[in-house]
Every structure is written in structure tokens, then in C-alpha cells.
Amino acid sequence: MKLSKQHSMYESDHTLFIKALKEKNPGIEEGQQQGRALLWDRPPVSLDEQQRQLESAVKQQAYVYQNKV
């Protein structure tokens, strides 16, 4: 679907807001990348470490809300 020339120049209010925000704070993208790296970009875990984590996990009882008497 090809848009007319009139529609190809349209920018929504949201797009204009984001552009203005980035112009006002040029370091915002760098801050976003640092935040992502802090939470999501983690180094790979070795197979030995994965096995150790699996073996050290505590088994959960079938129905967790029932106390053992």
C-alpha cells in the first residue's frame, strides 16, 4: 500500500514529542542502553554453573499454600 505524498509527511504527536525530548536531552539514549545492560545484558553462564544451580535448587511441595503438619 502506497501512501500519498500528503500522508508520507505526517508525524504523530507522539513522534514529535519523542523527537523534542531527544533534542532537549541528547544523552537519553545512552542512559537507556545503560539501564538495559544493567537489567538484561548478562554474561553467559557456563554449563558447570548451570548444573550446579539445578542441583542446588530446593524442591517445592505440590501445594505451596498447605502447611505440612
N, C-alpha and C. Protein backbone atom coordinates (compact mmCIF):
# COMPACT_ATOMS: atom_id res chain seq x y z
N MET A 1 0.84 -1.17 0.00
CA MET A 1 0.00 0.00 0.00
C MET A 1 0.89 1.24 0.00
N LYS A 2 0.70 2.06 -0.98
CA LYS A 2 1.50 3.27 -1.10
C LYS A 2 0.69 4.47 -0.61
N LEU A 3 1.28 5.24 0.28
CA LEU A 3 0.60 6.41 0.82
C LEU A 3 0.85 7.61 -0.08
N SER A 4 -0.09 8.51 -0.09
CA SER A 4 0.09 9.72 -0.88
C SER A 4 1.17 10.59 -0.25
N LYS A 5 1.63 11.55 -1.03
CA LYS A 5 2.69 12.44 -0.55
C LYS A 5 2.25 13.20 0.69
N GLN A 6 0.98 13.55 0.75
CA GLN A 6 0.45 14.29 1.89
C GLN A 6 0.58 13.46 3.17
N HIS A 7 0.30 12.16 3.10
CA HIS A 7 0.34 11.31 4.28
C HIS A 7 1.77 10.88 4.65
N SER A 8 2.67 10.87 3.70
CA SER A 8 4.04 10.45 3.99
C SER A 8 4.78 11.49 4.84
N MET A 9 4.30 12.73 4.86
CA MET A 9 4.94 13.78 5.64
C MET A 9 4.36 13.89 7.05
N TYR A 10 3.32 13.12 7.35
CA TYR A 10 2.63 13.19 8.64
C TYR A 10 3.50 12.61 9.75
N GLU A 11 3.54 13.29 10.86
CA GLU A 11 4.20 12.79 12.07
C GLU A 11 3.22 12.96 13.23
N SER A 12 3.03 11.89 13.97
CA SER A 12 2.06 11.92 15.07
C SER A 12 2.59 12.79 16.22
N ASP A 13 1.69 13.09 17.13
CA ASP A 13 2.06 13.87 18.31
C ASP A 13 3.11 13.14 19.14
N HIS A 14 2.98 11.83 19.19
CA HIS A 14 3.93 11.03 19.97
C HIS A 14 5.33 11.11 19.36
N THR A 15 5.40 11.01 18.04
CA THR A 15 6.70 11.10 17.36
C THR A 15 7.32 12.48 17.59
N LEU A 16 6.53 13.51 17.48
CA LEU A 16 7.04 14.86 17.70
C LEU A 16 7.52 15.04 19.14
N PHE A 17 6.79 14.47 20.10
CA PHE A 17 7.19 14.55 21.50
C PHE A 17 8.53 13.85 21.72
N ILE A 18 8.70 12.65 21.18
CA ILE A 18 9.95 11.90 21.35
C ILE A 18 11.12 12.64 20.70
N LYS A 19 10.90 13.21 19.51
CA LYS A 19 11.96 13.98 18.85
C LYS A 19 12.36 15.18 19.69
N ALA A 20 11.38 15.90 20.23
CA ALA A 20 11.67 17.07 21.06
C ALA A 20 12.40 16.66 22.33
N LEU A 21 11.99 15.55 22.93
CA LEU A 21 12.65 15.05 24.14
C LEU A 21 14.11 14.69 23.87
N LYS A 22 14.37 14.04 22.74
CA LYS A 22 15.74 13.67 22.39
C LYS A 22 16.59 14.89 22.07
N GLU A 23 15.99 15.92 21.49
CA GLU A 23 16.73 17.14 21.23
C GLU A 23 17.08 17.86 22.53
N LYS A 24 16.15 17.83 23.49
CA LYS A 24 16.38 18.50 24.77
C LYS A 24 17.40 17.73 25.62
N ASN A 25 17.36 16.40 25.58
CA ASN A 25 18.27 15.55 26.36
C ASN A 25 19.01 14.60 25.42
N PRO A 26 20.13 15.04 24.85
CA PRO A 26 20.83 14.19 23.87
C PRO A 26 21.41 12.90 24.47
N GLY A 27 21.58 12.81 25.77
CA GLY A 27 22.16 11.62 26.38
C GLY A 27 21.13 10.59 26.81
N ILE A 28 19.88 10.79 26.42
CA ILE A 28 18.81 9.91 26.89
C ILE A 28 18.95 8.49 26.34
N GLU A 29 19.38 8.35 25.10
CA GLU A 29 19.54 7.01 24.51
C GLU A 29 20.68 6.26 25.18
N GLU A 30 21.74 6.95 25.51
CA GLU A 30 22.86 6.30 26.21
C GLU A 30 22.41 5.80 27.59
N GLY A 31 21.60 6.60 28.28
CA GLY A 31 21.06 6.18 29.56
C GLY A 31 20.16 4.96 29.44
N GLN A 32 19.37 4.91 28.36
CA GLN A 32 18.51 3.75 28.12
C GLN A 32 19.35 2.50 27.90
N GLN A 33 20.42 2.63 27.14
CA GLN A 33 21.29 1.48 26.88
C GLN A 33 21.99 1.01 28.16
N GLN A 34 22.37 1.94 29.01
CA GLN A 34 23.00 1.55 30.27
C GLN A 34 21.99 0.83 31.17
N GLY A 35 20.76 1.31 31.21
CA GLY A 35 19.73 0.65 32.00
C GLY A 35 19.42 -0.74 31.49
N ARG A 36 19.38 -0.90 30.18
CA ARG A 36 19.14 -2.22 29.60
C ARG A 36 20.29 -3.16 29.94
N ALA A 37 21.51 -2.68 29.83
CA ALA A 37 22.67 -3.51 30.14
C ALA A 37 22.65 -3.94 31.61
N LEU A 38 22.20 -3.07 32.48
CA LEU A 38 22.15 -3.38 33.90
C LEU A 38 21.17 -4.51 34.20
N LEU A 39 20.02 -4.52 33.51
CA LEU A 39 18.99 -5.49 33.82
C LEU A 39 18.99 -6.72 32.91
N TRP A 40 19.33 -6.58 31.64
CA TRP A 40 19.10 -7.66 30.69
C TRP A 40 20.36 -8.26 30.08
N ASP A 41 21.37 -7.48 29.82
CA ASP A 41 22.56 -7.99 29.13
C ASP A 41 23.50 -8.61 30.15
N ARG A 42 23.44 -9.90 30.29
CA ARG A 42 24.26 -10.60 31.27
C ARG A 42 25.23 -11.52 30.57
N PRO A 43 26.38 -11.79 31.20
CA PRO A 43 27.33 -12.70 30.57
C PRO A 43 26.76 -14.12 30.56
N PRO A 44 27.17 -14.93 29.59
CA PRO A 44 26.67 -16.31 29.53
C PRO A 44 27.12 -17.12 30.74
N VAL A 45 26.28 -18.08 31.14
CA VAL A 45 26.58 -18.93 32.29
C VAL A 45 27.14 -20.25 31.77
N SER A 46 28.24 -20.72 32.36
CA SER A 46 28.87 -21.96 31.90
C SER A 46 27.97 -23.16 32.19
N LEU A 47 28.20 -24.26 31.51
CA LEU A 47 27.41 -25.47 31.71
C LEU A 47 27.58 -26.01 33.12
N ASP A 48 28.80 -25.92 33.67
CA ASP A 48 29.03 -26.38 35.03
C ASP A 48 28.22 -25.56 36.04
N GLU A 49 28.17 -24.24 35.81
CA GLU A 49 27.40 -23.37 36.70
C GLU A 49 25.91 -23.66 36.59
N GLN A 50 25.42 -23.92 35.37
CA GLN A 50 24.01 -24.26 35.19
C GLN A 50 23.67 -25.55 35.93
N GLN A 51 24.55 -26.55 35.83
CA GLN A 51 24.32 -27.82 36.51
C GLN A 51 24.32 -27.63 38.02
N ARG A 52 25.24 -26.83 38.54
CA ARG A 52 25.31 -26.57 39.97
C ARG A 52 24.02 -25.89 40.45
N GLN A 53 23.51 -24.94 39.67
CA GLN A 53 22.28 -24.26 40.04
C GLN A 53 21.09 -25.22 40.06
N LEU A 54 21.03 -26.12 39.08
CA LEU A 54 19.95 -27.09 39.04
C LEU A 54 19.99 -28.04 40.24
N GLU A 55 21.19 -28.47 40.59
CA GLU A 55 21.34 -29.40 41.70
C GLU A 55 21.08 -28.75 43.06
N SER A 56 21.33 -27.46 43.17
CA SER A 56 21.18 -26.79 44.45
C SER A 56 19.77 -26.23 44.66
N ALA A 57 18.90 -26.37 43.66
CA ALA A 57 17.53 -25.85 43.78
C ALA A 57 16.76 -26.68 44.81
N VAL A 58 15.96 -26.01 45.62
CA VAL A 58 15.14 -26.67 46.63
C VAL A 58 13.81 -27.05 45.99
N LYS A 59 13.41 -28.30 46.15
CA LYS A 59 12.14 -28.74 45.58
C LYS A 59 10.98 -28.08 46.29
N GLN A 60 9.99 -27.71 45.51
CA GLN A 60 8.80 -27.07 46.05
C GLN A 60 7.73 -28.14 46.25
N GLN A 61 6.99 -28.04 47.35
CA GLN A 61 5.94 -29.02 47.60
C GLN A 61 4.81 -28.82 46.59
N ALA A 62 3.98 -29.84 46.41
CA ALA A 62 2.96 -29.83 45.38
C ALA A 62 1.97 -28.68 45.55
N TYR A 63 1.49 -28.47 46.75
CA TYR A 63 0.55 -27.39 47.00
C TYR A 63 1.19 -26.46 48.01
N VAL A 64 1.69 -25.32 47.54
CA VAL A 64 2.54 -24.46 48.35
C VAL A 64 1.82 -23.77 49.48
N TYR A 65 0.49 -23.66 49.42
CA TYR A 65 -0.23 -22.91 50.46
C TYR A 65 -0.66 -23.80 51.63
N GLN A 66 -0.42 -25.08 51.53
CA GLN A 66 -0.78 -26.00 52.60
C GLN A 66 0.45 -26.30 53.45
N ASN A 67 0.34 -26.05 54.74
CA ASN A 67 1.45 -26.32 55.64
C ASN A 67 1.53 -27.81 55.94
N LYS A 68 2.75 -28.29 56.06
CA LYS A 68 2.92 -29.68 56.46
C LYS A 68 2.70 -29.77 57.97
N VAL A 69 1.91 -30.72 58.39
CA VAL A 69 1.59 -30.88 59.81
C VAL A 69 2.30 -32.10 60.35
